[in-house]
Amino acid sequence: MKIPPPQYRSPLARLVPEPRPDPEEIKREGWLDQHILVVSPEDARLNWTERELLRRIGDRLYGAKERRHG
């Protein structure tokens, strides 16, 4: 016996969570579409020189943040 699909949307449908978009995909699209770069200086894909360059640019544009050691 086949049950036909419901012809109405359940009021509970709004409670079903939507899948979250992949943050890396959002960053990629931001760069490709609008040339907006979102990257953490702690990103493991960067070498020391690239991380330091990002820190210096961030400090110059937005001010230095007190860094915690330990």
PDB file of N, CA and C in Angstrom:
ATOM      1  N   MET A   1       0.843  -1.181   0.000  1.00  0.00           N
ATOM      2  CA  MET A   1       0.000   0.000   0.000  1.00  0.00           C
ATOM      3  C   MET A   1       0.887   1.242   0.000  1.00  0.00           C
ATOM      4  N   LYS A   2       0.689   2.108  -0.969  1.00  0.00           N
ATOM      5  CA  LYS A   2       1.454   3.350  -1.037  1.00  0.00           C
ATOM      6  C   LYS A   2       0.649   4.474  -0.416  1.00  0.00           C
ATOM      7  N   ILE A   3       1.345   5.266   0.357  1.00  0.00           N
ATOM      8  CA  ILE A   3       0.710   6.418   0.990  1.00  0.00           C
ATOM      9  C   ILE A   3       1.040   7.643   0.153  1.00  0.00           C
ATOM     10  N   PRO A   4       0.030   8.393  -0.279  1.00  0.00           N
ATOM     11  CA  PRO A   4       0.314   9.581  -1.103  1.00  0.00           C
ATOM     12  C   PRO A   4       1.006  10.655  -0.266  1.00  0.00           C
ATOM     13  N   PRO A   5       1.875  11.448  -0.902  1.00  0.00           N
ATOM     14  CA  PRO A   5       2.537  12.522  -0.155  1.00  0.00           C
ATOM     15  C   PRO A   5       1.514  13.555   0.308  1.00  0.00           C
ATOM     16  N   PRO A   6       1.770  14.180   1.442  1.00  0.00           N
ATOM     17  CA  PRO A   6       0.810  15.170   1.949  1.00  0.00           C
ATOM     18  C   PRO A   6       0.705  16.356   0.988  1.00  0.00           C
ATOM     19  N   GLN A   7      -0.460  16.927   0.907  1.00  0.00           N
ATOM     20  CA  GLN A   7      -0.722  18.056   0.010  1.00  0.00           C
ATOM     21  C   GLN A   7      -0.521  19.394   0.720  1.00  0.00           C
ATOM     22  N   TYR A   8      -0.143  19.372   1.961  1.00  0.00           N
ATOM     23  CA  TYR A   8       0.051  20.602   2.717  1.00  0.00           C
ATOM     24  C   TYR A   8       1.398  20.531   3.430  1.00  0.00           C
ATOM     25  N   ARG A   9       1.900  21.663   3.806  1.00  0.00           N
ATOM     26  CA  ARG A   9       3.147  21.715   4.566  1.00  0.00           C
ATOM     27  C   ARG A   9       2.805  21.660   6.052  1.00  0.00           C
ATOM     28  N   SER A  10       3.449  20.775   6.729  1.00  0.00           N
ATOM     29  CA  SER A  10       3.197  20.613   8.153  1.00  0.00           C
ATOM     30  C   SER A  10       3.649  21.855   8.918  1.00  0.00           C
ATOM     31  N   PRO A  11       2.922  22.257   9.952  1.00  0.00           N
ATOM     32  CA  PRO A  11       3.362  23.381  10.778  1.00  0.00           C
ATOM     33  C   PRO A  11       4.684  23.086  11.488  1.00  0.00           C
ATOM     34  N   LEU A  12       5.026  21.808  11.602  1.00  0.00           N
ATOM     35  CA  LEU A  12       6.280  21.447  12.253  1.00  0.00           C
ATOM     36  C   LEU A  12       7.487  21.608  11.319  1.00  0.00           C
ATOM     37  N   ALA A  13       7.252  21.834  10.040  1.00  0.00           N
ATOM     38  CA  ALA A  13       8.346  21.942   9.072  1.00  0.00           C
ATOM     39  C   ALA A  13       9.296  23.083   9.425  1.00  0.00           C
ATOM     40  N   ARG A  14       8.769  24.129  10.009  1.00  0.00           N
ATOM     41  CA  ARG A  14       9.637  25.265  10.358  1.00  0.00           C
ATOM     42  C   ARG A  14      10.616  24.922  11.480  1.00  0.00           C
ATOM     43  N   LEU A  15      10.364  23.842  12.191  1.00  0.00           N
ATOM     44  CA  LEU A  15      11.237  23.443  13.284  1.00  0.00           C
ATOM     45  C   LEU A  15      12.376  22.527  12.829  1.00  0.00           C
ATOM     46  N   VAL A  16      12.305  22.053  11.604  1.00  0.00           N
ATOM     47  CA  VAL A  16      13.349  21.181  11.085  1.00  0.00           C
ATOM     48  C   VAL A  16      14.549  22.050  10.722  1.00  0.00           C
ATOM     49  N   PRO A  17      15.710  21.778  11.296  1.00  0.00           N
ATOM     50  CA  PRO A  17      16.875  22.627  11.001  1.00  0.00           C
ATOM     51  C   PRO A  17      17.318  22.465   9.555  1.00  0.00           C
ATOM     52  N   GLU A  18      17.725  23.583   8.970  1.00  0.00           N
ATOM     53  CA  GLU A  18      18.257  23.546   7.617  1.00  0.00           C
ATOM     54  C   GLU A  18      19.745  23.239   7.705  1.00  0.00           C
ATOM     55  N   PRO A  19      20.271  22.543   6.711  1.00  0.00           N
ATOM     56  CA  PRO A  19      21.706  22.254   6.753  1.00  0.00           C
ATOM     57  C   PRO A  19      22.518  23.547   6.711  1.00  0.00           C
ATOM     58  N   ARG A  20      23.566  23.582   7.531  1.00  0.00           N
ATOM     59  CA  ARG A  20      24.418  24.772   7.590  1.00  0.00           C
ATOM     60  C   ARG A  20      25.362  24.770   6.406  1.00  0.00           C
ATOM     61  N   PRO A  21      25.559  25.926   5.786  1.00  0.00           N
ATOM     62  CA  PRO A  21      26.486  25.989   4.663  1.00  0.00           C
ATOM     63  C   PRO A  21      27.929  25.807   5.139  1.00  0.00           C
ATOM     64  N   ASP A  22      28.754  25.290   4.276  1.00  0.00           N
ATOM     65  CA  ASP A  22      30.161  25.076   4.582  1.00  0.00           C
ATOM     66  C   ASP A  22      30.875  26.430   4.645  1.00  0.00           C
ATOM     67  N   PRO A  23      31.510  26.775   5.776  1.00  0.00           N
ATOM     68  CA  PRO A  23      32.188  28.073   5.882  1.00  0.00           C
ATOM     69  C   PRO A  23      33.263  28.284   4.811  1.00  0.00           C
ATOM     70  N   GLU A  24      33.985  27.240   4.475  1.00  0.00           N
ATOM     71  CA  GLU A  24      35.020  27.383   3.447  1.00  0.00           C
ATOM     72  C   GLU A  24      34.407  27.723   2.092  1.00  0.00           C
ATOM     73  N   GLU A  25      33.254  27.170   1.807  1.00  0.00           N
ATOM     74  CA  GLU A  25      32.579  27.468   0.537  1.00  0.00           C
ATOM     75  C   GLU A  25      32.110  28.923   0.518  1.00  0.00           C
ATOM     76  N   ILE A  26      31.616  29.411   1.638  1.00  0.00           N
ATOM     77  CA  ILE A  26      31.184  30.808   1.729  1.00  0.00           C
ATOM     78  C   ILE A  26      32.380  31.736   1.509  1.00  0.00           C
ATOM     79  N   LYS A  27      33.519  31.418   2.134  1.00  0.00           N
ATOM     80  CA  LYS A  27      34.721  32.231   1.955  1.00  0.00           C
ATOM     81  C   LYS A  27      35.179  32.212   0.508  1.00  0.00           C
ATOM     82  N   ARG A  28      35.152  31.024  -0.096  1.00  0.00           N
ATOM     83  CA  ARG A  28      35.566  30.880  -1.498  1.00  0.00           C
ATOM     84  C   ARG A  28      34.686  31.726  -2.412  1.00  0.00           C
ATOM     85  N   GLU A  29      33.375  31.648  -2.215  1.00  0.00           N
ATOM     86  CA  GLU A  29      32.454  32.433  -3.031  1.00  0.00           C
ATOM     87  C   GLU A  29      32.646  33.927  -2.810  1.00  0.00           C
ATOM     88  N   GLY A  30      32.900  34.336  -1.569  1.00  0.00           N
ATOM     89  CA  GLY A  30      33.151  35.751  -1.274  1.00  0.00           C
ATOM     90  C   GLY A  30      34.367  36.271  -2.017  1.00  0.00           C
ATOM     91  N   TRP A  31      35.404  35.461  -2.080  1.00  0.00           N
ATOM     92  CA  TRP A  31      36.608  35.866  -2.795  1.00  0.00           C
ATOM     93  C   TRP A  31      36.363  35.912  -4.300  1.00  0.00           C
ATOM     94  N   LEU A  32      35.748  34.870  -4.834  1.00  0.00           N
ATOM     95  CA  LEU A  32      35.539  34.799  -6.281  1.00  0.00           C
ATOM     96  C   LEU A  32      34.531  35.833  -6.778  1.00  0.00           C
ATOM     97  N   ASP A  33      33.489  36.095  -6.000  1.00  0.00           N
ATOM     98  CA  ASP A  33      32.441  37.012  -6.441  1.00  0.00           C
ATOM     99  C   ASP A  33      32.745  38.473  -6.139  1.00  0.00           C
ATOM    100  N   GLN A  34      33.318  38.747  -4.946  1.00  0.00           N
ATOM    101  CA  GLN A  34      33.441  40.131  -4.497  1.00  0.00           C
ATOM    102  C   GLN A  34      34.852  40.512  -4.070  1.00  0.00           C
ATOM    103  N   HIS A  35      35.802  39.623  -4.222  1.00  0.00           N
ATOM    104  CA  HIS A  35      37.196  39.867  -3.822  1.00  0.00           C
ATOM    105  C   HIS A  35      37.297  40.231  -2.346  1.00  0.00           C
ATOM    106  N   ILE A  36      36.487  39.554  -1.531  1.00  0.00           N
ATOM    107  CA  ILE A  36      36.548  39.710  -0.078  1.00  0.00           C
ATOM    108  C   ILE A  36      37.283  38.493   0.458  1.00  0.00           C
ATOM    109  N   LEU A  37      38.366  38.736   1.172  1.00  0.00           N
ATOM    110  CA  LEU A  37      39.184  37.650   1.693  1.00  0.00           C
ATOM    111  C   LEU A  37      38.953  37.518   3.196  1.00  0.00           C
ATOM    112  N   VAL A  38      38.586  36.326   3.613  1.00  0.00           N
ATOM    113  CA  VAL A  38      38.389  36.028   5.029  1.00  0.00           C
ATOM    114  C   VAL A  38      39.343  34.900   5.367  1.00  0.00           C
ATOM    115  N   VAL A  39      40.354  35.211   6.169  1.00  0.00           N
ATOM    116  CA  VAL A  39      41.349  34.199   6.515  1.00  0.00           C
ATOM    117  C   VAL A  39      41.886  34.490   7.910  1.00  0.00           C
ATOM    118  N   SER A  40      42.107  33.450   8.669  1.00  0.00           N
ATOM    119  CA  SER A  40      42.665  33.590  10.005  1.00  0.00           C
ATOM    120  C   SER A  40      44.183  33.493   9.924  1.00  0.00           C
ATOM    121  N   PRO A  41      44.898  34.339  10.651  1.00  0.00           N
ATOM    122  CA  PRO A  41      46.357  34.196  10.671  1.00  0.00           C
ATOM    123  C   PRO A  41      46.798  32.904  11.361  1.00  0.00           C
ATOM    124  N   GLU A  42      45.877  32.192  11.963  1.00  0.00           N
ATOM    125  CA  GLU A  42      46.191  30.914  12.598  1.00  0.00           C
ATOM    126  C   GLU A  42      45.920  29.731  11.669  1.00  0.00           C
ATOM    127  N   ASP A  43      45.517  29.996  10.437  1.00  0.00           N
ATOM    128  CA  ASP A  43      45.208  28.934   9.478  1.00  0.00           C
ATOM    129  C   ASP A  43      46.451  28.089   9.225  1.00  0.00           C
ATOM    130  N   ALA A  44      46.327  26.787   9.438  1.00  0.00           N
ATOM    131  CA  ALA A  44      47.475  25.876   9.316  1.00  0.00           C
ATOM    132  C   ALA A  44      47.990  25.758   7.886  1.00  0.00           C
ATOM    133  N   ARG A  45      47.208  26.200   6.913  1.00  0.00           N
ATOM    134  CA  ARG A  45      47.645  26.129   5.522  1.00  0.00           C
ATOM    135  C   ARG A  45      48.641  27.221   5.167  1.00  0.00           C
ATOM    136  N   LEU A  46      48.813  28.190   6.065  1.00  0.00           N
ATOM    137  CA  LEU A  46      49.729  29.306   5.812  1.00  0.00           C
ATOM    138  C   LEU A  46      51.081  29.033   6.459  1.00  0.00           C
ATOM    139  N   ASN A  47      52.132  29.549   5.821  1.00  0.00           N
ATOM    140  CA  ASN A  47      53.446  29.441   6.444  1.00  0.00           C
ATOM    141  C   ASN A  47      53.662  30.647   7.366  1.00  0.00           C
ATOM    142  N   TRP A  48      54.791  30.691   8.051  1.00  0.00           N
ATOM    143  CA  TRP A  48      55.039  31.744   9.034  1.00  0.00           C
ATOM    144  C   TRP A  48      55.002  33.128   8.393  1.00  0.00           C
ATOM    145  N   THR A  49      55.614  33.279   7.234  1.00  0.00           N
ATOM    146  CA  THR A  49      55.668  34.576   6.553  1.00  0.00           C
ATOM    147  C   THR A  49      54.265  35.068   6.214  1.00  0.00           C
ATOM    148  N   GLU A  50      53.415  34.190   5.714  1.00  0.00           N
ATOM    149  CA  GLU A  50      52.044  34.575   5.362  1.00  0.00           C
ATOM    150  C   GLU A  50      51.238  34.943   6.607  1.00  0.00           C
ATOM    151  N   ARG A  51      51.398  34.182   7.689  1.00  0.00           N
ATOM    152  CA  ARG A  51      50.683  34.501   8.934  1.00  0.00           C
ATOM    153  C   ARG A  51      51.121  35.859   9.483  1.00  0.00           C
ATOM    154  N   GLU A  52      52.408  36.110   9.449  1.00  0.00           N
ATOM    155  CA  GLU A  52      52.923  37.391   9.951  1.00  0.00           C
ATOM    156  C   GLU A  52      52.428  38.549   9.095  1.00  0.00           C
ATOM    157  N   LEU A  53      52.390  38.377   7.781  1.00  0.00           N
ATOM    158  CA  LEU A  53      51.874  39.413   6.893  1.00  0.00           C
ATOM    159  C   LEU A  53      50.416  39.722   7.222  1.00  0.00           C
ATOM    160  N   LEU A  54      49.610  38.686   7.440  1.00  0.00           N
ATOM    161  CA  LEU A  54      48.212  38.908   7.803  1.00  0.00           C
ATOM    162  C   LEU A  54      48.085  39.656   9.124  1.00  0.00           C
ATOM    163  N   ARG A  55      48.889  39.272  10.106  1.00  0.00           N
ATOM    164  CA  ARG A  55      48.842  39.971  11.401  1.00  0.00           C
ATOM    165  C   ARG A  55      49.188  41.448  11.238  1.00  0.00           C
ATOM    166  N   ARG A  56      50.202  41.734  10.464  1.00  0.00           N
ATOM    167  CA  ARG A  56      50.611  43.134  10.272  1.00  0.00           C
ATOM    168  C   ARG A  56      49.551  43.938   9.535  1.00  0.00           C
ATOM    169  N   ILE A  57      48.937  43.343   8.518  1.00  0.00           N
ATOM    170  CA  ILE A  57      47.863  44.041   7.807  1.00  0.00           C
ATOM    171  C   ILE A  57      46.691  44.291   8.755  1.00  0.00           C
ATOM    172  N   GLY A  58      46.293  43.276   9.512  1.00  0.00           N
ATOM    173  CA  GLY A  58      45.196  43.444  10.468  1.00  0.00           C
ATOM    174  C   GLY A  58      45.502  44.507  11.512  1.00  0.00           C
ATOM    175  N   ASP A  59      46.724  44.497  12.048  1.00  0.00           N
ATOM    176  CA  ASP A  59      47.114  45.504  13.040  1.00  0.00           C
ATOM    177  C   ASP A  59      47.095  46.900  12.434  1.00  0.00           C
ATOM    178  N   ARG A  60      47.537  47.016  11.215  1.00  0.00           N
ATOM    179  CA  ARG A  60      47.584  48.331  10.559  1.00  0.00           C
ATOM    180  C   ARG A  60      46.173  48.861  10.289  1.00  0.00           C
ATOM    181  N   LEU A  61      45.286  47.994   9.799  1.00  0.00           N
ATOM    182  CA  LEU A  61      43.947  48.440   9.443  1.00  0.00           C
ATOM    183  C   LEU A  61      43.027  48.611  10.646  1.00  0.00           C
ATOM    184  N   TYR A  62      43.177  47.730  11.633  1.00  0.00           N
ATOM    185  CA  TYR A  62      42.194  47.691  12.729  1.00  0.00           C
ATOM    186  C   TYR A  62      42.790  47.896  14.104  1.00  0.00           C
ATOM    187  N   GLY A  63      44.094  48.086  14.197  1.00  0.00           N
ATOM    188  CA  GLY A  63      44.740  48.279  15.481  1.00  0.00           C
ATOM    189  C   GLY A  63      45.240  46.965  16.050  1.00  0.00           C
ATOM    190  N   ALA A  64      46.313  47.056  16.805  1.00  0.00           N
ATOM    191  CA  ALA A  64      46.921  45.862  17.370  1.00  0.00           C
ATOM    192  C   ALA A  64      46.082  45.346  18.538  1.00  0.00           C
ATOM    193  N   LYS A  65      45.962  44.055  18.617  1.00  0.00           N
ATOM    194  CA  LYS A  65      45.267  43.422  19.731  1.00  0.00           C
ATOM    195  C   LYS A  65      46.311  42.857  20.674  1.00  0.00           C
ATOM    196  N   GLU A  66      46.078  43.020  21.956  1.00  0.00           N
ATOM    197  CA  GLU A  66      46.998  42.475  22.942  1.00  0.00           C
ATOM    198  C   GLU A  66      47.020  40.958  22.809  1.00  0.00           C
ATOM    199  N   ARG A  67      48.191  40.412  22.588  1.00  0.00           N
ATOM    200  CA  ARG A  67      48.306  38.966  22.410  1.00  0.00           C
ATOM    201  C   ARG A  67      48.604  38.296  23.745  1.00  0.00           C
ATOM    202  N   ARG A  68      47.939  37.174  23.960  1.00  0.00           N
ATOM    203  CA  ARG A  68      48.161  36.399  25.187  1.00  0.00           C
ATOM    204  C   ARG A  68      49.152  35.295  24.892  1.00  0.00           C
ATOM    205  N   HIS A  69      50.101  35.130  25.748  1.00  0.00           N
ATOM    206  CA  HIS A  69      51.084  34.048  25.595  1.00  0.00           C
ATOM    207  C   HIS A  69      50.858  33.061  26.721  1.00  0.00           C
ATOM    208  N   GLY A  70      50.886  31.764  26.354  1.00  0.00           N
ATOM    209  CA  GLY A  70      50.765  30.726  27.378  1.00  0.00           C
ATOM    210  C   GLY A  70      49.470  30.139  27.358  1.00  0.00           C
TER     211      GLY A  70
END
